[in-house]
Amino acid sequence: MFTLLFLPFKLLKWFLKLSGVRGGLLLAIGIGIGVLIAPERGAVLRARLQARIEEARRGPVPPTVDPIV
């Protein structure tokens, strides 16, 4: 139980040892900036992207042309 509880801390320690303090600080700053400027929640963004993908798959809508009489 304690192994699973402390696993994130062990992984963080391993990452910092591998990347150094500078890499860890850059990662923390990047995560902080991403959280601050995130436009919306993930579910809302995924729904919007899915709608745009479906619209792109349907192709462009042909313009309606009035017949010349």
PDB file of N, CA and C in Angstrom:
ATOM      1  N   MET A   1       0.822  -1.193   0.000  1.00  0.00           N
ATOM      2  CA  MET A   1       0.000   0.000   0.000  1.00  0.00           C
ATOM      3  C   MET A   1       0.866   1.258   0.000  1.00  0.00           C
ATOM      4  N   PHE A   2       1.890   1.257   0.845  1.00  0.00           N
ATOM      5  CA  PHE A   2       2.762   2.423   0.913  1.00  0.00           C
ATOM      6  C   PHE A   2       3.580   2.578  -0.366  1.00  0.00           C
ATOM      7  N   THR A   3       3.850   1.480  -1.041  1.00  0.00           N
ATOM      8  CA  THR A   3       4.604   1.551  -2.289  1.00  0.00           C
ATOM      9  C   THR A   3       3.819   2.344  -3.336  1.00  0.00           C
ATOM     10  N   LEU A   4       2.528   2.063  -3.439  1.00  0.00           N
ATOM     11  CA  LEU A   4       1.703   2.799  -4.395  1.00  0.00           C
ATOM     12  C   LEU A   4       1.502   4.244  -3.963  1.00  0.00           C
ATOM     13  N   LEU A   5       1.459   4.465  -2.660  1.00  0.00           N
ATOM     14  CA  LEU A   5       1.254   5.815  -2.150  1.00  0.00           C
ATOM     15  C   LEU A   5       2.449   6.716  -2.453  1.00  0.00           C
ATOM     16  N   PHE A   6       3.655   6.170  -2.347  1.00  0.00           N
ATOM     17  CA  PHE A   6       4.857   6.962  -2.548  1.00  0.00           C
ATOM     18  C   PHE A   6       5.416   6.874  -3.962  1.00  0.00           C
ATOM     19  N   LEU A   7       4.741   6.155  -4.850  1.00  0.00           N
ATOM     20  CA  LEU A   7       5.223   6.014  -6.222  1.00  0.00           C
ATOM     21  C   LEU A   7       5.372   7.354  -6.949  1.00  0.00           C
ATOM     22  N   PRO A   8       4.411   8.276  -6.863  1.00  0.00           N
ATOM     23  CA  PRO A   8       4.610   9.563  -7.553  1.00  0.00           C
ATOM     24  C   PRO A   8       5.843  10.323  -7.058  1.00  0.00           C
ATOM     25  N   PHE A   9       6.126  10.236  -5.763  1.00  0.00           N
ATOM     26  CA  PHE A   9       7.297  10.919  -5.217  1.00  0.00           C
ATOM     27  C   PHE A   9       8.588  10.271  -5.702  1.00  0.00           C
ATOM     28  N   LYS A  10       8.580   8.949  -5.807  1.00  0.00           N
ATOM     29  CA  LYS A  10       9.760   8.248  -6.324  1.00  0.00           C
ATOM     30  C   LYS A  10       9.990   8.601  -7.792  1.00  0.00           C
ATOM     31  N   LEU A  11       8.887   8.681  -8.554  1.00  0.00           N
ATOM     32  CA  LEU A  11       9.027   9.042  -9.968  1.00  0.00           C
ATOM     33  C   LEU A  11       9.521  10.477 -10.123  1.00  0.00           C
ATOM     34  N   LEU A  12       9.039  11.383  -9.271  1.00  0.00           N
ATOM     35  CA  LEU A  12       9.501  12.773  -9.311  1.00  0.00           C
ATOM     36  C   LEU A  12      10.985  12.858  -8.960  1.00  0.00           C
ATOM     37  N   LYS A  13      11.398  12.114  -7.947  1.00  0.00           N
ATOM     38  CA  LYS A  13      12.808  12.085  -7.555  1.00  0.00           C
ATOM     39  C   LYS A  13      13.670  11.548  -8.701  1.00  0.00           C
ATOM     40  N   TRP A  14      13.191  10.489  -9.365  1.00  0.00           N
ATOM     41  CA  TRP A  14      13.931   9.906 -10.494  1.00  0.00           C
ATOM     42  C   TRP A  14      14.014  10.906 -11.644  1.00  0.00           C
ATOM     43  N   PHE A  15      12.907  11.612 -11.926  1.00  0.00           N
ATOM     44  CA  PHE A  15      12.902  12.586 -13.013  1.00  0.00           C
ATOM     45  C   PHE A  15      13.874  13.721 -12.731  1.00  0.00           C
ATOM     46  N   LEU A  16      13.859  14.229 -11.498  1.00  0.00           N
ATOM     47  CA  LEU A  16      14.747  15.336 -11.155  1.00  0.00           C
ATOM     48  C   LEU A  16      16.204  14.911 -11.212  1.00  0.00           C
ATOM     49  N   LYS A  17      16.483  13.679 -10.821  1.00  0.00           N
ATOM     50  CA  LYS A  17      17.860  13.191 -10.899  1.00  0.00           C
ATOM     51  C   LYS A  17      18.293  13.085 -12.359  1.00  0.00           C
ATOM     52  N   LEU A  18      17.365  12.656 -13.214  1.00  0.00           N
ATOM     53  CA  LEU A  18      17.681  12.473 -14.628  1.00  0.00           C
ATOM     54  C   LEU A  18      17.819  13.808 -15.355  1.00  0.00           C
ATOM     55  N   SER A  19      16.908  14.753 -15.083  1.00  0.00           N
ATOM     56  CA  SER A  19      16.902  16.001 -15.844  1.00  0.00           C
ATOM     57  C   SER A  19      17.604  17.145 -15.140  1.00  0.00           C
ATOM     58  N   GLY A  20      17.864  17.006 -13.877  1.00  0.00           N
ATOM     59  CA  GLY A  20      18.515  18.069 -13.131  1.00  0.00           C
ATOM     60  C   GLY A  20      17.500  19.081 -12.616  1.00  0.00           C
ATOM     61  N   VAL A  21      17.988  19.989 -11.817  1.00  0.00           N
ATOM     62  CA  VAL A  21      17.107  20.988 -11.208  1.00  0.00           C
ATOM     63  C   VAL A  21      16.539  21.917 -12.271  1.00  0.00           C
ATOM     64  N   ARG A  22      17.357  22.285 -13.221  1.00  0.00           N
ATOM     65  CA  ARG A  22      16.899  23.208 -14.262  1.00  0.00           C
ATOM     66  C   ARG A  22      15.762  22.601 -15.081  1.00  0.00           C
ATOM     67  N   GLY A  23      15.892  21.343 -15.443  1.00  0.00           N
ATOM     68  CA  GLY A  23      14.831  20.679 -16.194  1.00  0.00           C
ATOM     69  C   GLY A  23      13.553  20.566 -15.384  1.00  0.00           C
ATOM     70  N   GLY A  24      13.703  20.285 -14.090  1.00  0.00           N
ATOM     71  CA  GLY A  24      12.528  20.196 -13.228  1.00  0.00           C
ATOM     72  C   GLY A  24      11.830  21.534 -13.085  1.00  0.00           C
ATOM     73  N   LEU A  25      12.614  22.599 -12.950  1.00  0.00           N
ATOM     74  CA  LEU A  25      12.016  23.932 -12.853  1.00  0.00           C
ATOM     75  C   LEU A  25      11.309  24.317 -14.143  1.00  0.00           C
ATOM     76  N   LEU A  26      11.921  23.999 -15.270  1.00  0.00           N
ATOM     77  CA  LEU A  26      11.277  24.310 -16.554  1.00  0.00           C
ATOM     78  C   LEU A  26       9.974  23.530 -16.721  1.00  0.00           C
ATOM     79  N   LEU A  27       9.972  22.283 -16.277  1.00  0.00           N
ATOM     80  CA  LEU A  27       8.747  21.484 -16.342  1.00  0.00           C
ATOM     81  C   LEU A  27       7.665  22.099 -15.457  1.00  0.00           C
ATOM     82  N   ALA A  28       8.015  22.485 -14.235  1.00  0.00           N
ATOM     83  CA  ALA A  28       7.043  23.077 -13.314  1.00  0.00           C
ATOM     84  C   ALA A  28       6.503  24.400 -13.855  1.00  0.00           C
ATOM     85  N   ILE A  29       7.370  25.217 -14.420  1.00  0.00           N
ATOM     86  CA  ILE A  29       6.932  26.491 -14.993  1.00  0.00           C
ATOM     87  C   ILE A  29       5.999  26.245 -16.176  1.00  0.00           C
ATOM     88  N   GLY A  30       6.326  25.283 -17.017  1.00  0.00           N
ATOM     89  CA  GLY A  30       5.484  24.959 -18.166  1.00  0.00           C
ATOM     90  C   GLY A  30       4.111  24.453 -17.756  1.00  0.00           C
ATOM     91  N   ILE A  31       4.058  23.613 -16.724  1.00  0.00           N
ATOM     92  CA  ILE A  31       2.772  23.116 -16.238  1.00  0.00           C
ATOM     93  C   ILE A  31       1.965  24.262 -15.646  1.00  0.00           C
ATOM     94  N   GLY A  32       2.630  25.137 -14.893  1.00  0.00           N
ATOM     95  CA  GLY A  32       1.936  26.283 -14.296  1.00  0.00           C
ATOM     96  C   GLY A  32       1.344  27.207 -15.341  1.00  0.00           C
ATOM     97  N   ILE A  33       2.116  27.513 -16.369  1.00  0.00           N
ATOM     98  CA  ILE A  33       1.620  28.383 -17.434  1.00  0.00           C
ATOM     99  C   ILE A  33       0.469  27.711 -18.176  1.00  0.00           C
ATOM    100  N   GLY A  34       0.590  26.417 -18.421  1.00  0.00           N
ATOM    101  CA  GLY A  34      -0.484  25.698 -19.102  1.00  0.00           C
ATOM    102  C   GLY A  34      -1.782  25.700 -18.324  1.00  0.00           C
ATOM    103  N   VAL A  35      -1.687  25.568 -17.009  1.00  0.00           N
ATOM    104  CA  VAL A  35      -2.895  25.583 -16.182  1.00  0.00           C
ATOM    105  C   VAL A  35      -3.508  26.982 -16.150  1.00  0.00           C
ATOM    106  N   LEU A  36      -2.666  27.985 -16.117  1.00  0.00           N
ATOM    107  CA  LEU A  36      -3.187  29.351 -16.038  1.00  0.00           C
ATOM    108  C   LEU A  36      -3.867  29.805 -17.319  1.00  0.00           C
ATOM    109  N   ILE A  37      -3.354  29.383 -18.473  1.00  0.00           N
ATOM    110  CA  ILE A  37      -3.915  29.876 -19.734  1.00  0.00           C
ATOM    111  C   ILE A  37      -4.801  28.852 -20.432  1.00  0.00           C
ATOM    112  N   ALA A  38      -5.117  27.747 -19.742  1.00  0.00           N
ATOM    113  CA  ALA A  38      -5.990  26.745 -20.354  1.00  0.00           C
ATOM    114  C   ALA A  38      -7.338  27.383 -20.666  1.00  0.00           C
ATOM    115  N   PRO A  39      -7.798  27.287 -21.900  1.00  0.00           N
ATOM    116  CA  PRO A  39      -9.019  27.992 -22.290  1.00  0.00           C
ATOM    117  C   PRO A  39     -10.282  27.414 -21.657  1.00  0.00           C
ATOM    118  N   GLU A  40     -10.350  26.095 -21.471  1.00  0.00           N
ATOM    119  CA  GLU A  40     -11.561  25.483 -20.937  1.00  0.00           C
ATOM    120  C   GLU A  40     -11.251  24.066 -20.483  1.00  0.00           C
ATOM    121  N   ARG A  41     -12.240  23.414 -19.930  1.00  0.00           N
ATOM    122  CA  ARG A  41     -12.046  22.056 -19.446  1.00  0.00           C
ATOM    123  C   ARG A  41     -11.820  21.101 -20.614  1.00  0.00           C
ATOM    124  N   GLY A  42     -11.201  19.981 -20.324  1.00  0.00           N
ATOM    125  CA  GLY A  42     -10.860  19.017 -21.358  1.00  0.00           C
ATOM    126  C   GLY A  42     -12.054  18.457 -22.100  1.00  0.00           C
ATOM    127  N   ALA A  43     -13.139  18.153 -21.377  1.00  0.00           N
ATOM    128  CA  ALA A  43     -14.316  17.563 -22.018  1.00  0.00           C
ATOM    129  C   ALA A  43     -14.937  18.525 -23.021  1.00  0.00           C
ATOM    130  N   VAL A  44     -14.980  19.790 -22.673  1.00  0.00           N
ATOM    131  CA  VAL A  44     -15.563  20.796 -23.573  1.00  0.00           C
ATOM    132  C   VAL A  44     -14.691  20.946 -24.815  1.00  0.00           C
ATOM    133  N   LEU A  45     -13.387  20.981 -24.618  1.00  0.00           N
ATOM    134  CA  LEU A  45     -12.469  21.124 -25.744  1.00  0.00           C
ATOM    135  C   LEU A  45     -12.527  19.910 -26.665  1.00  0.00           C
ATOM    136  N   ARG A  46     -12.603  18.703 -26.086  1.00  0.00           N
ATOM    137  CA  ARG A  46     -12.699  17.497 -26.914  1.00  0.00           C
ATOM    138  C   ARG A  46     -13.981  17.493 -27.729  1.00  0.00           C
ATOM    139  N   ALA A  47     -15.094  17.927 -27.145  1.00  0.00           N
ATOM    140  CA  ALA A  47     -16.365  17.975 -27.877  1.00  0.00           C
ATOM    141  C   ALA A  47     -16.291  18.967 -29.031  1.00  0.00           C
ATOM    142  N   ARG A  48     -15.677  20.115 -28.788  1.00  0.00           N
ATOM    143  CA  ARG A  48     -15.546  21.115 -29.850  1.00  0.00           C
ATOM    144  C   ARG A  48     -14.658  20.597 -30.979  1.00  0.00           C
ATOM    145  N   LEU A  49     -13.537  19.957 -30.621  1.00  0.00           N
ATOM    146  CA  LEU A  49     -12.652  19.410 -31.656  1.00  0.00           C
ATOM    147  C   LEU A  49     -13.337  18.296 -32.446  1.00  0.00           C
ATOM    148  N   GLN A  50     -14.113  17.447 -31.756  1.00  0.00           N
ATOM    149  CA  GLN A  50     -14.827  16.373 -32.442  1.00  0.00           C
ATOM    150  C   GLN A  50     -15.826  16.944 -33.439  1.00  0.00           C
ATOM    151  N   ALA A  51     -16.510  18.022 -33.079  1.00  0.00           N
ATOM    152  CA  ALA A  51     -17.465  18.651 -34.001  1.00  0.00           C
ATOM    153  C   ALA A  51     -16.746  19.225 -35.214  1.00  0.00           C
ATOM    154  N   ARG A  52     -15.579  19.827 -35.001  1.00  0.00           N
ATOM    155  CA  ARG A  52     -14.836  20.373 -36.141  1.00  0.00           C
ATOM    156  C   ARG A  52     -14.317  19.267 -37.051  1.00  0.00           C
ATOM    157  N   ILE A  53     -13.911  18.138 -36.474  1.00  0.00           N
ATOM    158  CA  ILE A  53     -13.433  17.016 -37.288  1.00  0.00           C
ATOM    159  C   ILE A  53     -14.576  16.455 -38.118  1.00  0.00           C
ATOM    160  N   GLU A  54     -15.747  16.290 -37.515  1.00  0.00           N
ATOM    161  CA  GLU A  54     -16.911  15.788 -38.261  1.00  0.00           C
ATOM    162  C   GLU A  54     -17.294  16.744 -39.384  1.00  0.00           C
ATOM    163  N   GLU A  55     -17.221  18.030 -39.131  1.00  0.00           N
ATOM    164  CA  GLU A  55     -17.532  19.029 -40.164  1.00  0.00           C
ATOM    165  C   GLU A  55     -16.534  18.942 -41.311  1.00  0.00           C
ATOM    166  N   ALA A  56     -15.271  18.732 -40.990  1.00  0.00           N
ATOM    167  CA  ALA A  56     -14.246  18.629 -42.033  1.00  0.00           C
ATOM    168  C   ALA A  56     -14.417  17.353 -42.848  1.00  0.00           C
ATOM    169  N   ARG A  57     -14.864  16.276 -42.211  1.00  0.00           N
ATOM    170  CA  ARG A  57     -15.075  15.015 -42.937  1.00  0.00           C
ATOM    171  C   ARG A  57     -16.221  15.113 -43.934  1.00  0.00           C
ATOM    172  N   ARG A  58     -17.236  15.902 -43.590  1.00  0.00           N
ATOM    173  CA  ARG A  58     -18.370  16.061 -44.500  1.00  0.00           C
ATOM    174  C   ARG A  58     -17.991  16.828 -45.756  1.00  0.00           C
ATOM    175  N   GLY A  59     -16.940  17.606 -45.682  1.00  0.00           N
ATOM    176  CA  GLY A  59     -16.497  18.365 -46.836  1.00  0.00           C
ATOM    177  C   GLY A  59     -17.149  19.727 -46.891  1.00  0.00           C
ATOM    178  N   PRO A  60     -16.688  20.538 -47.808  1.00  0.00           N
ATOM    179  CA  PRO A  60     -17.264  21.882 -47.918  1.00  0.00           C
ATOM    180  C   PRO A  60     -18.698  21.818 -48.430  1.00  0.00           C
ATOM    181  N   VAL A  61     -19.501  22.710 -47.950  1.00  0.00           N
ATOM    182  CA  VAL A  61     -20.897  22.781 -48.385  1.00  0.00           C
ATOM    183  C   VAL A  61     -20.932  23.518 -49.716  1.00  0.00           C
ATOM    184  N   PRO A  62     -21.487  22.883 -50.767  1.00  0.00           N
ATOM    185  CA  PRO A  62     -21.528  23.578 -52.063  1.00  0.00           C
ATOM    186  C   PRO A  62     -22.492  24.757 -51.989  1.00  0.00           C
ATOM    187  N   PRO A  63     -22.119  25.845 -52.610  1.00  0.00           N
ATOM    188  CA  PRO A  63     -23.021  27.014 -52.586  1.00  0.00           C
ATOM    189  C   PRO A  63     -24.260  26.740 -53.416  1.00  0.00           C
ATOM    190  N   THR A  64     -25.350  27.288 -52.970  1.00  0.00           N
ATOM    191  CA  THR A  64     -26.585  27.123 -53.735  1.00  0.00           C
ATOM    192  C   THR A  64     -26.591  28.128 -54.883  1.00  0.00           C
ATOM    193  N   VAL A  65     -26.919  27.649 -56.052  1.00  0.00           N
ATOM    194  CA  VAL A  65     -26.891  28.495 -57.239  1.00  0.00           C
ATOM    195  C   VAL A  65     -28.320  28.589 -57.769  1.00  0.00           C
ATOM    196  N   ASP A  66     -28.791  29.792 -57.949  1.00  0.00           N
ATOM    197  CA  ASP A  66     -30.104  29.995 -58.539  1.00  0.00           C
ATOM    198  C   ASP A  66     -29.981  29.827 -60.065  1.00  0.00           C
ATOM    199  N   PRO A  67     -30.864  29.052 -60.641  1.00  0.00           N
ATOM    200  CA  PRO A  67     -30.797  28.889 -62.100  1.00  0.00           C
ATOM    201  C   PRO A  67     -31.183  30.196 -62.803  1.00  0.00           C
ATOM    202  N   ILE A  68     -30.472  30.456 -63.872  1.00  0.00           N
ATOM    203  CA  ILE A  68     -30.756  31.658 -64.652  1.00  0.00           C
ATOM    204  C   ILE A  68     -31.875  31.324 -65.642  1.00  0.00           C
ATOM    205  N   VAL A  69     -32.920  32.123 -65.587  1.00  0.00           N
ATOM    206  CA  VAL A  69     -34.083  31.850 -66.457  1.00  0.00           C
ATOM    207  C   VAL A  69     -34.102  32.816 -67.600  1.00  0.00           C
TER     208      VAL A  69
END
